[in-house]
């Protein structure tokens, strides 16, 4: 999904993963892990 068009839920921490080529986000509010690729979808 386009990063600025999706609601998030209390992101608490994040780290970069070379293997995933993205930030991994600890989404505390929905008990999940998300990825954020800042350069995807034409930047």
ModelCIF file with pLDDT and N, C-alpha, C, O atoms, coordinates in Angstrom:
data_MODEL
#
_entry.id   MODEL 
#
_entity.id                         1 
_entity.type                       polymer 
_entity.pdbx_number_of_molecules   1 
#
_entity_poly.entity_id                      1 
_entity_poly.type                           'polypeptide(L)' 
_entity_poly.nstd_linkage                   no 
_entity_poly.nstd_monomer                   no 
_entity_poly.pdbx_seq_one_letter_code       
;(UNK)(UNK)(UNK)(UNK)(UNK)(UNK)(UNK)(UNK)(UNK)(UNK)(UNK)(UNK)(UNK)(UNK)(UNK)(UNK)
(UNK)(UNK)(UNK)(UNK)(UNK)(UNK)(UNK)(UNK)(UNK)(UNK)(UNK)(UNK)(UNK)(UNK)(UNK)(UNK)
(UNK)(UNK)(UNK)(UNK)(UNK)(UNK)(UNK)(UNK)(UNK)(UNK)(UNK)
;
_entity_poly.pdbx_seq_one_letter_code_can   XXXXXXXXXXXXXXXXXXXXXXXXXXXXXXXXXXXXXXXXXXX 
_entity_poly.pdbx_strand_id                 A 
#
loop_
_entity_poly_seq.entity_id 
_entity_poly_seq.num 
_entity_poly_seq.mon_id 
_entity_poly_seq.hetero 
1 1  UNK n 
1 2  UNK n 
1 3  UNK n 
1 4  UNK n 
1 5  UNK n 
1 6  UNK n 
1 7  UNK n 
1 8  UNK n 
1 9  UNK n 
1 10 UNK n 
1 11 UNK n 
1 12 UNK n 
1 13 UNK n 
1 14 UNK n 
1 15 UNK n 
1 16 UNK n 
1 17 UNK n 
1 18 UNK n 
1 19 UNK n 
1 20 UNK n 
1 21 UNK n 
1 22 UNK n 
1 23 UNK n 
1 24 UNK n 
1 25 UNK n 
1 26 UNK n 
1 27 UNK n 
1 28 UNK n 
1 29 UNK n 
1 30 UNK n 
1 31 UNK n 
1 32 UNK n 
1 33 UNK n 
1 34 UNK n 
1 35 UNK n 
1 36 UNK n 
1 37 UNK n 
1 38 UNK n 
1 39 UNK n 
1 40 UNK n 
1 41 UNK n 
1 42 UNK n 
1 43 UNK n 
#
_struct_asym.id          A 
_struct_asym.entity_id   1 
#
loop_
_ma_qa_metric.id 
_ma_qa_metric.mode 
_ma_qa_metric.name 
_ma_qa_metric.software_group_id 
_ma_qa_metric.type 
1 global pLDDT . pLDDT 
2 local  pLDDT . pLDDT 
#
_ma_qa_metric_global.metric_id      1 
_ma_qa_metric_global.metric_value   95.81 
_ma_qa_metric_global.model_id       1 
_ma_qa_metric_global.ordinal_id     1 
#
loop_
_ma_qa_metric_local.label_asym_id 
_ma_qa_metric_local.label_comp_id 
_ma_qa_metric_local.label_seq_id 
_ma_qa_metric_local.metric_id 
_ma_qa_metric_local.metric_value 
_ma_qa_metric_local.model_id 
_ma_qa_metric_local.ordinal_id 
A UNK 1  2 93.00 1 1  
A UNK 2  2 94.00 1 2  
A UNK 3  2 95.00 1 3  
A UNK 4  2 94.00 1 4  
A UNK 5  2 93.00 1 5  
A UNK 6  2 95.00 1 6  
A UNK 7  2 95.00 1 7  
A UNK 8  2 97.00 1 8  
A UNK 9  2 96.00 1 9  
A UNK 10 2 97.00 1 10 
A UNK 11 2 98.00 1 11 
A UNK 12 2 98.00 1 12 
A UNK 13 2 98.00 1 13 
A UNK 14 2 98.00 1 14 
A UNK 15 2 98.00 1 15 
A UNK 16 2 98.00 1 16 
A UNK 17 2 97.00 1 17 
A UNK 18 2 95.00 1 18 
A UNK 19 2 95.00 1 19 
A UNK 20 2 96.00 1 20 
A UNK 21 2 95.00 1 21 
A UNK 22 2 97.00 1 22 
A UNK 23 2 98.00 1 23 
A UNK 24 2 98.00 1 24 
A UNK 25 2 98.00 1 25 
A UNK 26 2 98.00 1 26 
A UNK 27 2 98.00 1 27 
A UNK 28 2 97.00 1 28 
A UNK 29 2 96.00 1 29 
A UNK 30 2 95.00 1 30 
A UNK 31 2 96.00 1 31 
A UNK 32 2 97.00 1 32 
A UNK 33 2 98.00 1 33 
A UNK 34 2 98.00 1 34 
A UNK 35 2 97.00 1 35 
A UNK 36 2 98.00 1 36 
A UNK 37 2 97.00 1 37 
A UNK 38 2 97.00 1 38 
A UNK 39 2 94.00 1 39 
A UNK 40 2 93.00 1 40 
A UNK 41 2 90.00 1 41 
A UNK 42 2 87.00 1 42 
A UNK 43 2 88.00 1 43 
#
loop_
_atom_site.group_PDB 
_atom_site.id 
_atom_site.type_symbol 
_atom_site.label_atom_id 
_atom_site.label_alt_id 
_atom_site.label_comp_id 
_atom_site.label_asym_id 
_atom_site.label_entity_id 
_atom_site.label_seq_id 
_atom_site.pdbx_PDB_ins_code 
_atom_site.Cartn_x 
_atom_site.Cartn_y 
_atom_site.Cartn_z 
_atom_site.occupancy 
_atom_site.B_iso_or_equiv 
_atom_site.pdbx_formal_charge 
_atom_site.auth_seq_id 
_atom_site.auth_comp_id 
_atom_site.auth_asym_id 
_atom_site.auth_atom_id 
_atom_site.pdbx_PDB_model_num 
ATOM 1   N N  . UNK A 1 1  ? 0.828  -1.203 0.000  1.00 93.00 ? 1  UNK A N  1 
ATOM 2   C CA . UNK A 1 1  ? 0.000  0.000  0.000  1.00 93.00 ? 1  UNK A CA 1 
ATOM 3   C C  . UNK A 1 1  ? 0.864  1.255  0.000  1.00 93.00 ? 1  UNK A C  1 
ATOM 4   O O  . UNK A 1 1  ? 1.970  1.257  0.541  1.00 93.00 ? 1  UNK A O  1 
ATOM 5   N N  . UNK A 1 2  ? 0.357  2.313  -0.606 1.00 94.00 ? 2  UNK A N  1 
ATOM 6   C CA . UNK A 1 2  ? 1.014  3.603  -0.558 1.00 94.00 ? 2  UNK A CA 1 
ATOM 7   C C  . UNK A 1 2  ? 1.127  4.044  0.901  1.00 94.00 ? 2  UNK A C  1 
ATOM 8   O O  . UNK A 1 2  ? 0.130  4.098  1.621  1.00 94.00 ? 2  UNK A O  1 
ATOM 9   N N  . UNK A 1 3  ? 2.348  4.358  1.327  1.00 95.00 ? 3  UNK A N  1 
ATOM 10  C CA . UNK A 1 3  ? 2.609  4.540  2.754  1.00 95.00 ? 3  UNK A CA 1 
ATOM 11  C C  . UNK A 1 3  ? 1.765  5.640  3.378  1.00 95.00 ? 3  UNK A C  1 
ATOM 12  O O  . UNK A 1 3  ? 1.373  5.535  4.540  1.00 95.00 ? 3  UNK A O  1 
ATOM 13  N N  . UNK A 1 4  ? 1.480  6.695  2.620  1.00 94.00 ? 4  UNK A N  1 
ATOM 14  C CA . UNK A 1 4  ? 0.769  7.839  3.203  1.00 94.00 ? 4  UNK A CA 1 
ATOM 15  C C  . UNK A 1 4  ? -0.743 7.718  3.091  1.00 94.00 ? 4  UNK A C  1 
ATOM 16  O O  . UNK A 1 4  ? -1.472 8.648  3.435  1.00 94.00 ? 4  UNK A O  1 
ATOM 17  N N  . UNK A 1 5  ? -1.213 6.567  2.609  1.00 93.00 ? 5  UNK A N  1 
ATOM 18  C CA . UNK A 1 5  ? -2.660 6.379  2.509  1.00 93.00 ? 5  UNK A CA 1 
ATOM 19  C C  . UNK A 1 5  ? -3.172 5.280  3.436  1.00 93.00 ? 5  UNK A C  1 
ATOM 20  O O  . UNK A 1 5  ? -4.345 4.913  3.372  1.00 93.00 ? 5  UNK A O  1 
ATOM 21  N N  . UNK A 1 6  ? -2.313 4.761  4.286  1.00 95.00 ? 6  UNK A N  1 
ATOM 22  C CA . UNK A 1 6  ? -2.718 3.681  5.189  1.00 95.00 ? 6  UNK A CA 1 
ATOM 23  C C  . UNK A 1 6  ? -2.607 4.158  6.637  1.00 95.00 ? 6  UNK A C  1 
ATOM 24  O O  . UNK A 1 6  ? -1.606 4.749  7.041  1.00 95.00 ? 6  UNK A O  1 
ATOM 25  N N  . UNK A 1 7  ? -3.639 3.892  7.386  1.00 95.00 ? 7  UNK A N  1 
ATOM 26  C CA . UNK A 1 7  ? -3.589 4.173  8.820  1.00 95.00 ? 7  UNK A CA 1 
ATOM 27  C C  . UNK A 1 7  ? -2.628 3.195  9.505  1.00 95.00 ? 7  UNK A C  1 
ATOM 28  O O  . UNK A 1 7  ? -2.581 2.017  9.151  1.00 95.00 ? 7  UNK A O  1 
ATOM 29  N N  . UNK A 1 8  ? -1.882 3.678  10.462 1.00 97.00 ? 8  UNK A N  1 
ATOM 30  C CA . UNK A 1 8  ? -1.013 2.853  11.286 1.00 97.00 ? 8  UNK A CA 1 
ATOM 31  C C  . UNK A 1 8  ? -1.582 2.807  12.700 1.00 97.00 ? 8  UNK A C  1 
ATOM 32  O O  . UNK A 1 8  ? -2.546 3.509  13.007 1.00 97.00 ? 8  UNK A O  1 
ATOM 33  N N  . UNK A 1 9  ? -0.988 1.982  13.562 1.00 96.00 ? 9  UNK A N  1 
ATOM 34  C CA . UNK A 1 9  ? -1.498 1.851  14.928 1.00 96.00 ? 9  UNK A CA 1 
ATOM 35  C C  . UNK A 1 9  ? -0.350 1.786  15.926 1.00 96.00 ? 9  UNK A C  1 
ATOM 36  O O  . UNK A 1 9  ? 0.230  0.726  16.159 1.00 96.00 ? 9  UNK A O  1 
ATOM 37  N N  . UNK A 1 10 ? -0.034 2.925  16.504 1.00 97.00 ? 10 UNK A N  1 
ATOM 38  C CA . UNK A 1 10 ? 0.974  3.045  17.555 1.00 97.00 ? 10 UNK A CA 1 
ATOM 39  C C  . UNK A 1 10 ? 2.299  2.369  17.194 1.00 97.00 ? 10 UNK A C  1 
ATOM 40  O O  . UNK A 1 10 ? 2.724  1.442  17.883 1.00 97.00 ? 10 UNK A O  1 
ATOM 41  N N  . UNK A 1 11 ? 2.957  2.824  16.117 1.00 98.00 ? 11 UNK A N  1 
ATOM 42  C CA . UNK A 1 11 ? 4.295  2.287  15.842 1.00 98.00 ? 11 UNK A CA 1 
ATOM 43  C C  . UNK A 1 11 ? 5.228  2.638  16.989 1.00 98.00 ? 11 UNK A C  1 
ATOM 44  O O  . UNK A 1 11 ? 5.294  3.795  17.403 1.00 98.00 ? 11 UNK A O  1 
ATOM 45  N N  . UNK A 1 12 ? 5.964  1.629  17.516 1.00 98.00 ? 12 UNK A N  1 
ATOM 46  C CA . UNK A 1 12 ? 6.741  1.842  18.740 1.00 98.00 ? 12 UNK A CA 1 
ATOM 47  C C  . UNK A 1 12 ? 8.249  1.837  18.477 1.00 98.00 ? 12 UNK A C  1 
ATOM 48  O O  . UNK A 1 12 ? 8.990  2.536  19.169 1.00 98.00 ? 12 UNK A O  1 
ATOM 49  N N  . UNK A 1 13 ? 8.707  1.082  17.515 1.00 98.00 ? 13 UNK A N  1 
ATOM 50  C CA . UNK A 1 13 ? 10.129 1.046  17.212 1.00 98.00 ? 13 UNK A CA 1 
ATOM 51  C C  . UNK A 1 13 ? 10.303 0.610  15.762 1.00 98.00 ? 13 UNK A C  1 
ATOM 52  O O  . UNK A 1 13 ? 9.361  0.136  15.128 1.00 98.00 ? 13 UNK A O  1 
ATOM 53  N N  . UNK A 1 14 ? 11.523 0.777  15.246 1.00 98.00 ? 14 UNK A N  1 
ATOM 54  C CA . UNK A 1 14 ? 11.812 0.344  13.888 1.00 98.00 ? 14 UNK A CA 1 
ATOM 55  C C  . UNK A 1 14 ? 13.309 0.133  13.727 1.00 98.00 ? 14 UNK A C  1 
ATOM 56  O O  . UNK A 1 14 ? 14.116 0.715  14.452 1.00 98.00 ? 14 UNK A O  1 
ATOM 57  N N  . UNK A 1 15 ? 13.664 -0.708 12.765 1.00 98.00 ? 15 UNK A N  1 
ATOM 58  C CA . UNK A 1 15 ? 15.055 -0.968 12.432 1.00 98.00 ? 15 UNK A CA 1 
ATOM 59  C C  . UNK A 1 15 ? 15.147 -1.251 10.942 1.00 98.00 ? 15 UNK A C  1 
ATOM 60  O O  . UNK A 1 15 ? 14.160 -1.636 10.316 1.00 98.00 ? 15 UNK A O  1 
ATOM 61  N N  . UNK A 1 16 ? 16.334 -1.059 10.376 1.00 98.00 ? 16 UNK A N  1 
ATOM 62  C CA . UNK A 1 16 ? 16.533 -1.334 8.952  1.00 98.00 ? 16 UNK A CA 1 
ATOM 63  C C  . UNK A 1 16 ? 16.976 -2.775 8.770  1.00 98.00 ? 16 UNK A C  1 
ATOM 64  O O  . UNK A 1 16 ? 17.785 -3.282 9.547  1.00 98.00 ? 16 UNK A O  1 
ATOM 65  N N  . UNK A 1 17 ? 16.450 -3.437 7.748  1.00 97.00 ? 17 UNK A N  1 
ATOM 66  C CA . UNK A 1 17 ? 16.829 -4.802 7.412  1.00 97.00 ? 17 UNK A CA 1 
ATOM 67  C C  . UNK A 1 17 ? 17.382 -4.823 5.995  1.00 97.00 ? 17 UNK A C  1 
ATOM 68  O O  . UNK A 1 17 ? 16.666 -4.524 5.039  1.00 97.00 ? 17 UNK A O  1 
ATOM 69  N N  . UNK A 1 18 ? 18.672 -5.179 5.858  1.00 95.00 ? 18 UNK A N  1 
ATOM 70  C CA . UNK A 1 18 ? 19.250 -5.315 4.516  1.00 95.00 ? 18 UNK A CA 1 
ATOM 71  C C  . UNK A 1 18 ? 18.592 -6.453 3.755  1.00 95.00 ? 18 UNK A C  1 
ATOM 72  O O  . UNK A 1 18 ? 18.392 -6.365 2.543  1.00 95.00 ? 18 UNK A O  1 
ATOM 73  N N  . UNK A 1 19 ? 18.254 -7.525 4.471  1.00 95.00 ? 19 UNK A N  1 
ATOM 74  C CA . UNK A 1 19 ? 17.645 -8.689 3.819  1.00 95.00 ? 19 UNK A CA 1 
ATOM 75  C C  . UNK A 1 19 ? 16.272 -8.358 3.241  1.00 95.00 ? 19 UNK A C  1 
ATOM 76  O O  . UNK A 1 19 ? 15.913 -8.863 2.178  1.00 95.00 ? 19 UNK A O  1 
ATOM 77  N N  . UNK A 1 20 ? 15.513 -7.528 3.919  1.00 96.00 ? 20 UNK A N  1 
ATOM 78  C CA . UNK A 1 20 ? 14.180 -7.164 3.455  1.00 96.00 ? 20 UNK A CA 1 
ATOM 79  C C  . UNK A 1 20 ? 14.179 -5.887 2.622  1.00 96.00 ? 20 UNK A C  1 
ATOM 80  O O  . UNK A 1 20 ? 13.170 -5.531 2.014  1.00 96.00 ? 20 UNK A O  1 
ATOM 81  N N  . UNK A 1 21 ? 15.347 -5.190 2.602  1.00 95.00 ? 21 UNK A N  1 
ATOM 82  C CA . UNK A 1 21 ? 15.463 -3.926 1.860  1.00 95.00 ? 21 UNK A CA 1 
ATOM 83  C C  . UNK A 1 21 ? 14.387 -2.932 2.310  1.00 95.00 ? 21 UNK A C  1 
ATOM 84  O O  . UNK A 1 21 ? 13.780 -2.244 1.489  1.00 95.00 ? 21 UNK A O  1 
ATOM 85  N N  . UNK A 1 22 ? 14.163 -2.870 3.617  1.00 97.00 ? 22 UNK A N  1 
ATOM 86  C CA . UNK A 1 22 ? 13.100 -2.017 4.140  1.00 97.00 ? 22 UNK A CA 1 
ATOM 87  C C  . UNK A 1 22 ? 13.297 -1.843 5.646  1.00 97.00 ? 22 UNK A C  1 
ATOM 88  O O  . UNK A 1 22 ? 14.050 -2.580 6.283  1.00 97.00 ? 22 UNK A O  1 
ATOM 89  N N  . UNK A 1 23 ? 12.601 -0.850 6.194  1.00 98.00 ? 23 UNK A N  1 
ATOM 90  C CA . UNK A 1 23 ? 12.500 -0.728 7.645  1.00 98.00 ? 23 UNK A CA 1 
ATOM 91  C C  . UNK A 1 23 ? 11.478 -1.750 8.147  1.00 98.00 ? 23 UNK A C  1 
ATOM 92  O O  . UNK A 1 23 ? 10.445 -1.970 7.514  1.00 98.00 ? 23 UNK A O  1 
ATOM 93  N N  . UNK A 1 24 ? 11.772 -2.359 9.270  1.00 98.00 ? 24 UNK A N  1 
ATOM 94  C CA . UNK A 1 24 ? 10.811 -3.203 9.969  1.00 98.00 ? 24 UNK A CA 1 
ATOM 95  C C  . UNK A 1 24 ? 10.242 -2.384 11.115 1.00 98.00 ? 24 UNK A C  1 
ATOM 96  O O  . UNK A 1 24 ? 10.993 -1.806 11.900 1.00 98.00 ? 24 UNK A O  1 
ATOM 97  N N  . UNK A 1 25 ? 8.929  -2.331 11.216 1.00 98.00 ? 25 UNK A N  1 
ATOM 98  C CA . UNK A 1 25 ? 8.244  -1.485 12.185 1.00 98.00 ? 25 UNK A CA 1 
ATOM 99  C C  . UNK A 1 25 ? 7.495  -2.357 13.186 1.00 98.00 ? 25 UNK A C  1 
ATOM 100 O O  . UNK A 1 25 ? 6.703  -3.216 12.800 1.00 98.00 ? 25 UNK A O  1 
ATOM 101 N N  . UNK A 1 26 ? 7.750  -2.131 14.479 1.00 98.00 ? 26 UNK A N  1 
ATOM 102 C CA . UNK A 1 26 ? 7.002  -2.803 15.542 1.00 98.00 ? 26 UNK A CA 1 
ATOM 103 C C  . UNK A 1 26 ? 5.697  -2.037 15.745 1.00 98.00 ? 26 UNK A C  1 
ATOM 104 O O  . UNK A 1 26 ? 5.688  -0.979 16.375 1.00 98.00 ? 26 UNK A O  1 
ATOM 105 N N  . UNK A 1 27 ? 4.605  -2.565 15.218 1.00 98.00 ? 27 UNK A N  1 
ATOM 106 C CA . UNK A 1 27 ? 3.307  -1.903 15.264 1.00 98.00 ? 27 UNK A CA 1 
ATOM 107 C C  . UNK A 1 27 ? 2.571  -2.376 16.525 1.00 98.00 ? 27 UNK A C  1 
ATOM 108 O O  . UNK A 1 27 ? 1.767  -3.307 16.482 1.00 98.00 ? 27 UNK A O  1 
ATOM 109 N N  . UNK A 1 28 ? 2.867  -1.712 17.642 1.00 97.00 ? 28 UNK A N  1 
ATOM 110 C CA . UNK A 1 28 ? 2.378  -2.180 18.938 1.00 97.00 ? 28 UNK A CA 1 
ATOM 111 C C  . UNK A 1 28 ? 0.858  -2.207 19.008 1.00 97.00 ? 28 UNK A C  1 
ATOM 112 O O  . UNK A 1 28 ? 0.281  -3.104 19.621 1.00 97.00 ? 28 UNK A O  1 
ATOM 113 N N  . UNK A 1 29 ? 0.202  -1.224 18.379 1.00 96.00 ? 29 UNK A N  1 
ATOM 114 C CA . UNK A 1 29 ? -1.243 -1.110 18.517 1.00 96.00 ? 29 UNK A CA 1 
ATOM 115 C C  . UNK A 1 29 ? -2.032 -2.211 17.862 1.00 96.00 ? 29 UNK A C  1 
ATOM 116 O O  . UNK A 1 29 ? -3.168 -2.469 18.261 1.00 96.00 ? 29 UNK A O  1 
ATOM 117 N N  . UNK A 1 30 ? -1.464 -2.879 16.855 1.00 95.00 ? 30 UNK A N  1 
ATOM 118 C CA . UNK A 1 30 ? -2.175 -3.980 16.205 1.00 95.00 ? 30 UNK A CA 1 
ATOM 119 C C  . UNK A 1 30 ? -1.450 -5.307 16.376 1.00 95.00 ? 30 UNK A C  1 
ATOM 120 O O  . UNK A 1 30 ? -1.799 -6.290 15.722 1.00 95.00 ? 30 UNK A O  1 
ATOM 121 N N  . UNK A 1 31 ? -0.434 -5.349 17.254 1.00 96.00 ? 31 UNK A N  1 
ATOM 122 C CA . UNK A 1 31 ? 0.276  -6.595 17.586 1.00 96.00 ? 31 UNK A CA 1 
ATOM 123 C C  . UNK A 1 31 ? 0.852  -7.245 16.330 1.00 96.00 ? 31 UNK A C  1 
ATOM 124 O O  . UNK A 1 31 ? 0.674  -8.441 16.100 1.00 96.00 ? 31 UNK A O  1 
ATOM 125 N N  . UNK A 1 32 ? 1.543  -6.444 15.522 1.00 97.00 ? 32 UNK A N  1 
ATOM 126 C CA . UNK A 1 32 ? 2.068  -6.922 14.254 1.00 97.00 ? 32 UNK A CA 1 
ATOM 127 C C  . UNK A 1 32 ? 3.429  -6.304 13.972 1.00 97.00 ? 32 UNK A C  1 
ATOM 128 O O  . UNK A 1 32 ? 3.854  -5.370 14.651 1.00 97.00 ? 32 UNK A O  1 
ATOM 129 N N  . UNK A 1 33 ? 4.109  -6.842 12.956 1.00 98.00 ? 33 UNK A N  1 
ATOM 130 C CA . UNK A 1 33 ? 5.288  -6.227 12.367 1.00 98.00 ? 33 UNK A CA 1 
ATOM 131 C C  . UNK A 1 33 ? 4.938  -5.819 10.940 1.00 98.00 ? 33 UNK A C  1 
ATOM 132 O O  . UNK A 1 33 ? 4.308  -6.580 10.205 1.00 98.00 ? 33 UNK A O  1 
ATOM 133 N N  . UNK A 1 34 ? 5.348  -4.622 10.556 1.00 98.00 ? 34 UNK A N  1 
ATOM 134 C CA . UNK A 1 34 ? 5.127  -4.117 9.206  1.00 98.00 ? 34 UNK A CA 1 
ATOM 135 C C  . UNK A 1 34 ? 6.480  -3.802 8.573  1.00 98.00 ? 34 UNK A C  1 
ATOM 136 O O  . UNK A 1 34 ? 7.489  -3.685 9.268  1.00 98.00 ? 34 UNK A O  1 
ATOM 137 N N  . UNK A 1 35 ? 6.489  -3.668 7.254  1.00 97.00 ? 35 UNK A N  1 
ATOM 138 C CA . UNK A 1 35 ? 7.676  -3.158 6.581  1.00 97.00 ? 35 UNK A CA 1 
ATOM 139 C C  . UNK A 1 35 ? 7.340  -1.834 5.919  1.00 97.00 ? 35 UNK A C  1 
ATOM 140 O O  . UNK A 1 35 ? 6.220  -1.614 5.456  1.00 97.00 ? 35 UNK A O  1 
ATOM 141 N N  . UNK A 1 36 ? 8.341  -0.953 5.886  1.00 98.00 ? 36 UNK A N  1 
ATOM 142 C CA . UNK A 1 36 ? 8.219  0.344  5.221  1.00 98.00 ? 36 UNK A CA 1 
ATOM 143 C C  . UNK A 1 36 ? 9.397  0.488  4.275  1.00 98.00 ? 36 UNK A C  1 
ATOM 144 O O  . UNK A 1 36 ? 10.547 0.586  4.704  1.00 98.00 ? 36 UNK A O  1 
ATOM 145 N N  . UNK A 1 37 ? 9.099  0.502  2.985  1.00 97.00 ? 37 UNK A N  1 
ATOM 146 C CA . UNK A 1 37 ? 10.112 0.684  1.945  1.00 97.00 ? 37 UNK A CA 1 
ATOM 147 C C  . UNK A 1 37 ? 10.000 2.118  1.454  1.00 97.00 ? 37 UNK A C  1 
ATOM 148 O O  . UNK A 1 37 ? 9.088  2.429  0.688  1.00 97.00 ? 37 UNK A O  1 
ATOM 149 N N  . UNK A 1 38 ? 10.901 2.999  1.870  1.00 97.00 ? 38 UNK A N  1 
ATOM 150 C CA . UNK A 1 38 ? 10.719 4.426  1.559  1.00 97.00 ? 38 UNK A CA 1 
ATOM 151 C C  . UNK A 1 38 ? 10.899 4.774  0.098  1.00 97.00 ? 38 UNK A C  1 
ATOM 152 O O  . UNK A 1 38 ? 10.425 5.821  -0.345 1.00 97.00 ? 38 UNK A O  1 
ATOM 153 N N  . UNK A 1 39 ? 11.574 3.921  -0.668 1.00 94.00 ? 39 UNK A N  1 
ATOM 154 C CA . UNK A 1 39 ? 11.804 4.244  -2.070 1.00 94.00 ? 39 UNK A CA 1 
ATOM 155 C C  . UNK A 1 39 ? 10.854 3.576  -3.037 1.00 94.00 ? 39 UNK A C  1 
ATOM 156 O O  . UNK A 1 39 ? 10.937 3.812  -4.242 1.00 94.00 ? 39 UNK A O  1 
ATOM 157 N N  . UNK A 1 40 ? 9.956  2.751  -2.540 1.00 93.00 ? 40 UNK A N  1 
ATOM 158 C CA . UNK A 1 40 ? 9.044  2.005  -3.412 1.00 93.00 ? 40 UNK A CA 1 
ATOM 159 C C  . UNK A 1 40 ? 7.980  2.915  -4.014 1.00 93.00 ? 40 UNK A C  1 
ATOM 160 O O  . UNK A 1 40 ? 7.828  4.069  -3.612 1.00 93.00 ? 40 UNK A O  1 
ATOM 161 N N  . UNK A 1 41 ? 7.254  2.379  -4.973 1.00 90.00 ? 41 UNK A N  1 
ATOM 162 C CA . UNK A 1 41 ? 6.150  3.074  -5.646 1.00 90.00 ? 41 UNK A CA 1 
ATOM 163 C C  . UNK A 1 41 ? 6.602  4.439  -6.162 1.00 90.00 ? 41 UNK A C  1 
ATOM 164 O O  . UNK A 1 41 ? 6.005  5.473  -5.864 1.00 90.00 ? 41 UNK A O  1 
ATOM 165 N N  . UNK A 1 42 ? 7.676  4.400  -6.945 1.00 87.00 ? 42 UNK A N  1 
ATOM 166 C CA . UNK A 1 42 ? 8.209  5.597  -7.595 1.00 87.00 ? 42 UNK A CA 1 
ATOM 167 C C  . UNK A 1 42 ? 8.617  6.654  -6.575 1.00 87.00 ? 42 UNK A C  1 
ATOM 168 O O  . UNK A 1 42 ? 8.428  7.851  -6.791 1.00 87.00 ? 42 UNK A O  1 
ATOM 169 N N  . UNK A 1 43 ? 9.181  6.187  -5.455 1.00 88.00 ? 43 UNK A N  1 
ATOM 170 C CA . UNK A 1 43 ? 9.683  7.108  -4.448 1.00 88.00 ? 43 UNK A CA 1 
ATOM 171 C C  . UNK A 1 43 ? 8.659  7.603  -3.460 1.00 88.00 ? 43 UNK A C  1 
ATOM 172 O O  . UNK A 1 43 ? 8.989  8.386  -2.569 1.00 88.00 ? 43 UNK A O  1 
#
